[in-house]
Every structure is written in structure tokens, then in C-alpha cells.
Protein backbone atom coordinates (compact mmCIF):
# COMPACT_ATOMS: atom_id res chain seq x y z
CA UNK A 1 112.91 136.30 140.12
CA UNK A 2 111.22 133.21 141.33
CA UNK A 3 114.04 131.17 143.87
CA UNK A 4 113.63 127.84 145.06
CA UNK A 5 116.10 127.01 147.92
CA UNK A 6 115.78 123.27 148.91
CA UNK A 7 117.54 121.43 151.68
CA UNK A 8 117.81 117.55 151.10
CA UNK A 9 119.61 114.47 153.50
CA UNK A 10 121.37 111.87 151.49
CA UNK A 11 120.91 108.17 152.59
CA UNK A 12 124.18 107.24 154.36
CA UNK A 13 127.14 106.02 152.06
CA UNK A 14 125.63 107.89 149.01
CA UNK A 15 126.64 111.43 149.10
CA UNK A 16 129.45 110.91 146.32
CA UNK A 17 126.46 109.14 144.23
CA UNK A 18 124.70 112.37 144.82
CA UNK A 19 127.56 114.84 144.06
CA UNK A 20 128.56 113.32 140.70
CA UNK A 21 124.49 112.80 139.72
CA UNK A 22 123.62 116.26 140.99
CA UNK A 23 126.77 118.07 139.64
CA UNK A 24 125.93 116.61 136.58
CA UNK A 25 122.15 117.73 136.47
CA UNK A 26 122.95 121.54 137.59
CA UNK A 27 124.79 121.77 134.49
CA UNK A 28 122.11 121.00 132.31
CA UNK A 29 119.45 123.15 134.84
CA UNK A 30 121.92 126.09 134.44
CA UNK A 31 121.94 126.23 130.87
CA UNK A 32 117.88 126.24 130.88
CA UNK A 33 116.80 129.56 128.53
CA UNK A 34 114.76 130.91 132.08
CA UNK A 35 117.32 129.55 134.92
CA UNK A 36 119.22 132.63 135.99
CA UNK A 37 121.73 131.04 138.18
CA UNK A 38 122.15 127.17 140.32
CA UNK A 39 124.04 126.71 143.31
CA UNK A 40 124.64 123.95 146.01
CA UNK A 41 127.01 121.58 148.12
CA UNK A 42 127.00 120.34 151.73
CA UNK A 43 125.44 122.29 154.47
CA UNK A 44 127.31 122.14 157.94
CA UNK A 45 125.40 119.09 158.74
CA UNK A 46 126.44 115.88 157.57
CA UNK A 47 124.83 114.05 154.74
CA UNK A 48 122.52 117.13 154.52
CA UNK A 49 123.21 119.29 151.03
CA UNK A 50 121.28 122.81 150.28
CA UNK A 51 120.65 123.31 146.40
CA UNK A 52 119.52 127.13 145.01
CA UNK A 53 117.89 127.41 142.07
CA UNK A 54 116.93 131.28 140.32
CA UNK A 55 114.36 131.32 137.54
CA UNK A 56 113.14 134.10 135.31
CA UNK A 57 109.50 133.56 136.60
CA UNK A 58 106.88 130.78 137.09
CA UNK A 59 106.97 129.64 133.13
CA UNK A 60 110.63 129.05 133.25
CA UNK A 61 110.06 127.01 136.57
CA UNK A 62 107.70 124.45 134.99
CA UNK A 63 109.57 124.47 131.61
CA UNK A 64 112.46 123.32 133.96
CA UNK A 65 110.09 120.62 135.67
CA UNK A 66 108.98 119.67 132.41
CA UNK A 67 112.37 119.21 130.61
CA UNK A 68 114.14 115.77 129.44
CA UNK A 69 117.15 115.79 131.57
CA UNK A 70 114.99 116.46 134.79
CA UNK A 71 112.77 113.53 133.82
CA UNK A 72 115.66 111.56 132.60
CA UNK A 73 117.72 112.15 136.09
CA UNK A 74 115.96 113.51 138.56
CA UNK A 75 114.10 110.57 139.64
CA UNK A 76 117.67 108.99 140.09
CA UNK A 77 118.98 112.39 142.42
CA UNK A 78 115.41 112.07 144.45
CA UNK A 79 116.18 108.28 145.08
CA UNK A 80 119.23 109.27 146.67
CA UNK A 81 117.27 111.28 149.87
CA UNK A 82 116.68 110.35 152.84
CA UNK A 83 113.00 111.66 153.37
CA UNK A 84 111.72 114.98 152.05
CA UNK A 85 113.55 117.75 151.47
CA UNK A 86 112.64 120.91 152.80
CA UNK A 87 111.52 123.48 149.97
CA UNK A 88 111.06 127.18 149.97
CA UNK A 89 110.09 129.13 147.15
CA UNK A 90 110.04 132.78 146.83
CA UNK A 91 110.21 135.98 144.77
CA UNK A 92 112.76 137.61 145.21
CA UNK A 93 111.97 141.70 146.01
CA UNK A 94 115.62 143.04 145.67
CA UNK A 95 118.87 141.99 144.71
CA UNK A 96 122.19 143.41 145.92
């Protein structure tokens, strides 16, 4: 399983736009054939959100990136970021 963790700071006052926009996008991501789950939410830091996406393999992640919904909605979500997000990708060794 390939897991992607994203931590992004959102521009001041744009938290509601991010939450509504990403909630819509997360439903579409979760419905992708190779997606094993999406979870997200606000962190303890003001204006900061964490997103965790799990994919069956690298091909599923590449299909996600090329999906019509990412091309359509992704740029609008990214425009709400206040700077570059922190991104970590890893292969899960064990899941409980």
C-alpha cells in the first residue's frame, strides 16, 4: 500500500472554502478504483490541515493524479494553500 501524507497551511479566511472544496474532492478520490482510503482534517495548528491518501500501488497514484476531477478541482484547492505543503510518501510495511 502506498500512503501519501500532506500537511498544508491554508490562506487566512479561506478555511471554509478549503473544507467545502476538499470534502467534495475527497469523495471523488475515495471512489477511484485504486484508492484504499482518504482521511483529512484540521490539525492543532491554526489554518493547517492534514490529508492522508492510501493507494493500492504507484499506478493507482498516477491514475489519481491524471484523473479528470484532480485536473478540474485540484488547482482551485492548491490556490488556497499558503505556501508549499509538506508531503511524505511511504510504502506501508504493516497495517494493524
